[in-house]
Amino acid sequence: MAVSDDLGFLAHPLETVPATDPNRAIARIAELVALRGIEDLVIGLPLHMDGGEGEAAARVRAFVAKLRLRLPETIRYHEIDETLTTAIAYEKLRAAGKKAKKAKPVIDQAAAVEILQAWLDAR
C-alpha cells in the first residue's frame, strides 16, 4: 500500500499487506483506511499489454467487491492500469542502489507508489 502526502502531490510507501489470506488483508486495509481517514482508494488493475482484462483483473475486482463491504460507503474507488509498475519500481530501486534480493521485501510498496503517483499526476 501507498499513501499520498497531505497535499495529494506525492505518493509514499505505507506497508505491504499480504494477500495470502484475503480476509486478513481486507481487515488490515479496513483498519488502515479508518486509522488514516482515507477517502479515495486507488486500485491497481492488472491489464494485458493490449489493455484487455484477464483472470488477474477478475480476481482484483472480486477482492475489491469484498473490500467494499467492509469500508464506509463514502470511499471513492479509482482503478488504474498497473501494467509494468513492478518493473518500473524494480528499475527505480536498482537505480537507487538496491540489489534485487534486497528490493524484494519492498517491491510491492514501490509498485503501489507508482500506481498511486500515476493517479495523483493524472488528477
C-alpha atoms as a PDB file:
ATOM      1  CA  MET A   1       0.000   0.000   0.000  1.00  0.00           C
ATOM      2  CA  ALA A   2       0.971   3.589  -0.557  1.00  0.00           C
ATOM      3  CA  VAL A   3      -0.452   6.891   0.668  1.00  0.00           C
ATOM      4  CA  SER A   4      -0.132  10.445  -0.510  1.00  0.00           C
ATOM      5  CA  ASP A   5       1.140  13.439   1.390  1.00  0.00           C
ATOM      6  CA  ASP A   6      -1.449  15.784   2.913  1.00  0.00           C
ATOM      7  CA  LEU A   7      -1.498  17.945  -0.213  1.00  0.00           C
ATOM      8  CA  GLY A   8      -2.044  14.993  -2.526  1.00  0.00           C
ATOM      9  CA  PHE A   9       1.111  15.601  -4.568  1.00  0.00           C
ATOM     10  CA  LEU A  10       3.476  12.769  -3.674  1.00  0.00           C
ATOM     11  CA  ALA A  11       2.950   9.070  -3.064  1.00  0.00           C
ATOM     12  CA  HIS A  12       4.846   7.334  -0.246  1.00  0.00           C
ATOM     13  CA  PRO A  13       5.072   3.640   0.669  1.00  0.00           C
ATOM     14  CA  LEU A  14       2.982   2.580   3.656  1.00  0.00           C
ATOM     15  CA  GLU A  15       3.184  -1.189   4.099  1.00  0.00           C
ATOM     16  CA  THR A  16       2.801  -4.490   2.327  1.00  0.00           C
ATOM     17  CA  VAL A  17      -0.488  -6.218   3.064  1.00  0.00           C
ATOM     18  CA  PRO A  18      -0.067  -9.891   2.138  1.00  0.00           C
ATOM     19  CA  ALA A  19      -2.932 -11.279   0.081  1.00  0.00           C
ATOM     20  CA  THR A  20      -2.315 -14.900   1.073  1.00  0.00           C
ATOM     21  CA  ASP A  21      -5.302 -14.645   3.439  1.00  0.00           C
ATOM     22  CA  PRO A  22      -7.852 -12.381   1.712  1.00  0.00           C
ATOM     23  CA  ASN A  23      -9.975 -11.936   4.847  1.00  0.00           C
ATOM     24  CA  ARG A  24      -6.967 -10.848   6.877  1.00  0.00           C
ATOM     25  CA  ALA A  25      -5.886  -8.498   4.062  1.00  0.00           C
ATOM     26  CA  ILE A  26      -9.349  -6.931   3.923  1.00  0.00           C
ATOM     27  CA  ALA A  27      -9.365  -6.470   7.694  1.00  0.00           C
ATOM     28  CA  ARG A  28      -5.943  -4.766   7.611  1.00  0.00           C
ATOM     29  CA  ILE A  29      -6.889  -2.483   4.719  1.00  0.00           C
ATOM     30  CA  ALA A  30     -10.125  -1.531   6.513  1.00  0.00           C
ATOM     31  CA  GLU A  31      -8.091  -0.777   9.639  1.00  0.00           C
ATOM     32  CA  LEU A  32      -5.655   1.438   7.714  1.00  0.00           C
ATOM     33  CA  VAL A  33      -8.499   3.261   5.961  1.00  0.00           C
ATOM     34  CA  ALA A  34     -10.086   4.044   9.327  1.00  0.00           C
ATOM     35  CA  LEU A  35      -6.819   4.991  11.067  1.00  0.00           C
ATOM     36  CA  ARG A  36      -5.688   7.303   8.293  1.00  0.00           C
ATOM     37  CA  GLY A  37      -9.073   8.748   7.330  1.00  0.00           C
ATOM     38  CA  ILE A  38      -8.613   7.619   3.739  1.00  0.00           C
ATOM     39  CA  GLU A  39     -11.265   8.932   1.339  1.00  0.00           C
ATOM     40  CA  ASP A  40     -10.009   7.576  -2.006  1.00  0.00           C
ATOM     41  CA  LEU A  41      -8.695   4.102  -2.806  1.00  0.00           C
ATOM     42  CA  VAL A  42      -6.667   3.697  -5.950  1.00  0.00           C
ATOM     43  CA  ILE A  43      -6.789   0.113  -7.156  1.00  0.00           C
ATOM     44  CA  GLY A  44      -4.090  -1.275  -9.428  1.00  0.00           C
ATOM     45  CA  LEU A  45      -5.786  -3.308 -12.151  1.00  0.00           C
ATOM     46  CA  PRO A  46      -3.509  -5.848 -13.877  1.00  0.00           C
ATOM     47  CA  LEU A  47      -4.363  -5.458 -17.546  1.00  0.00           C
ATOM     48  CA  HIS A  48      -2.870  -7.249 -20.531  1.00  0.00           C
ATOM     49  CA  MET A  49      -0.426  -5.311 -22.676  1.00  0.00           C
ATOM     50  CA  ASP A  50      -3.242  -4.696 -25.181  1.00  0.00           C
ATOM     51  CA  GLY A  51      -5.395  -3.190 -22.406  1.00  0.00           C
ATOM     52  CA  GLY A  52      -7.665  -6.222 -22.135  1.00  0.00           C
ATOM     53  CA  GLU A  53      -8.665  -7.874 -18.886  1.00  0.00           C
ATOM     54  CA  GLY A  54      -7.925 -11.421 -17.853  1.00  0.00           C
ATOM     55  CA  GLU A  55      -8.214 -13.635 -14.791  1.00  0.00           C
ATOM     56  CA  ALA A  56      -5.919 -11.463 -12.683  1.00  0.00           C
ATOM     57  CA  ALA A  57      -8.138  -8.406 -13.222  1.00  0.00           C
ATOM     58  CA  ALA A  58     -11.203 -10.512 -12.371  1.00  0.00           C
ATOM     59  CA  ARG A  59      -9.540 -11.590  -9.098  1.00  0.00           C
ATOM     60  CA  VAL A  60      -8.775  -7.967  -8.213  1.00  0.00           C
ATOM     61  CA  ARG A  61     -12.374  -6.933  -8.927  1.00  0.00           C
ATOM     62  CA  ALA A  62     -13.684  -9.812  -6.763  1.00  0.00           C
ATOM     63  CA  PHE A  63     -11.348  -8.759  -3.929  1.00  0.00           C
ATOM     64  CA  VAL A  64     -12.481  -5.130  -4.200  1.00  0.00           C
ATOM     65  CA  ALA A  65     -16.137  -6.238  -4.131  1.00  0.00           C
ATOM     66  CA  LYS A  66     -15.483  -7.951  -0.774  1.00  0.00           C
ATOM     67  CA  LEU A  67     -13.463  -4.970   0.437  1.00  0.00           C
ATOM     68  CA  ARG A  68     -16.341  -2.583  -0.323  1.00  0.00           C
ATOM     69  CA  LEU A  69     -18.484  -4.493   2.187  1.00  0.00           C
ATOM     70  CA  ARG A  70     -16.019  -3.585   4.968  1.00  0.00           C
ATOM     71  CA  LEU A  71     -15.394   0.062   4.091  1.00  0.00           C
ATOM     72  CA  PRO A  72     -17.542   3.175   4.517  1.00  0.00           C
ATOM     73  CA  GLU A  73     -19.879   3.936   1.620  1.00  0.00           C
ATOM     74  CA  THR A  74     -18.213   7.331   1.255  1.00  0.00           C
ATOM     75  CA  ILE A  75     -14.954   5.827  -0.021  1.00  0.00           C
ATOM     76  CA  ARG A  76     -14.278   6.644  -3.662  1.00  0.00           C
ATOM     77  CA  TYR A  77     -12.656   3.900  -5.766  1.00  0.00           C
ATOM     78  CA  HIS A  78     -10.377   4.552  -8.729  1.00  0.00           C
ATOM     79  CA  GLU A  79      -8.929   1.878 -10.992  1.00  0.00           C
ATOM     80  CA  ILE A  80      -5.513   2.421 -12.563  1.00  0.00           C
ATOM     81  CA  ASP A  81      -3.757   0.190 -15.070  1.00  0.00           C
ATOM     82  CA  GLU A  82      -0.843  -1.302 -13.160  1.00  0.00           C
ATOM     83  CA  THR A  83       0.889  -2.747 -16.215  1.00  0.00           C
ATOM     84  CA  LEU A  84       4.680  -2.637 -15.790  1.00  0.00           C
ATOM     85  CA  THR A  85       4.555  -0.873 -12.401  1.00  0.00           C
ATOM     86  CA  THR A  86       6.551  -3.640 -10.733  1.00  0.00           C
ATOM     87  CA  ALA A  87       9.190  -3.479 -13.466  1.00  0.00           C
ATOM     88  CA  ILE A  88       9.352   0.316 -13.146  1.00  0.00           C
ATOM     89  CA  ALA A  89       9.616   0.018  -9.364  1.00  0.00           C
ATOM     90  CA  TYR A  90      12.459  -2.537  -9.655  1.00  0.00           C
ATOM     91  CA  GLU A  91      14.290  -0.236 -12.051  1.00  0.00           C
ATOM     92  CA  LYS A  92      13.974   2.748  -9.712  1.00  0.00           C
ATOM     93  CA  LEU A  93      15.129   0.705  -6.735  1.00  0.00           C
ATOM     94  CA  ARG A  94      18.081  -0.602  -8.760  1.00  0.00           C
ATOM     95  CA  ALA A  95      18.943   2.968  -9.807  1.00  0.00           C
ATOM     96  CA  ALA A  96      18.893   3.905  -6.114  1.00  0.00           C
ATOM     97  CA  GLY A  97      21.464   1.193  -5.419  1.00  0.00           C
ATOM     98  CA  LYS A  98      19.178  -1.568  -4.081  1.00  0.00           C
ATOM     99  CA  LYS A  99      20.060  -5.088  -5.140  1.00  0.00           C
ATOM    100  CA  ALA A 100      17.215  -7.261  -6.467  1.00  0.00           C
ATOM    101  CA  LYS A 101      17.322  -9.546  -3.409  1.00  0.00           C
ATOM    102  CA  LYS A 102      17.148  -6.616  -1.009  1.00  0.00           C
ATOM    103  CA  ALA A 103      14.362  -4.978  -3.034  1.00  0.00           C
ATOM    104  CA  LYS A 104      12.028  -7.981  -2.763  1.00  0.00           C
ATOM    105  CA  PRO A 105      10.553  -7.066   0.649  1.00  0.00           C
ATOM    106  CA  VAL A 106       9.610  -3.554  -0.532  1.00  0.00           C
ATOM    107  CA  ILE A 107       8.802  -4.115  -4.205  1.00  0.00           C
ATOM    108  CA  ASP A 108       5.038  -4.272  -3.646  1.00  0.00           C
ATOM    109  CA  GLN A 109       5.181  -0.983  -1.766  1.00  0.00           C
ATOM    110  CA  ALA A 110       7.301   0.571  -4.508  1.00  0.00           C
ATOM    111  CA  ALA A 111       4.832  -0.625  -7.158  1.00  0.00           C
ATOM    112  CA  ALA A 112       1.963   0.795  -5.062  1.00  0.00           C
ATOM    113  CA  VAL A 113       3.781   4.125  -5.041  1.00  0.00           C
ATOM    114  CA  GLU A 114       3.985   4.013  -8.857  1.00  0.00           C
ATOM    115  CA  ILE A 115       0.245   3.281  -9.135  1.00  0.00           C
ATOM    116  CA  LEU A 116      -0.768   5.995  -6.705  1.00  0.00           C
ATOM    117  CA  GLN A 117       1.625   8.548  -8.181  1.00  0.00           C
ATOM    118  CA  ALA A 118       0.203   7.913 -11.670  1.00  0.00           C
ATOM    119  CA  TRP A 119      -3.286   8.633 -10.315  1.00  0.00           C
ATOM    120  CA  LEU A 120      -2.138  11.740  -8.456  1.00  0.00           C
ATOM    121  CA  ASP A 121      -0.365  13.056 -11.556  1.00  0.00           C
ATOM    122  CA  ALA A 122      -3.419  12.433 -13.750  1.00  0.00           C
ATOM    123  CA  ARG A 123      -5.744  14.438 -11.490  1.00  0.00           C
END
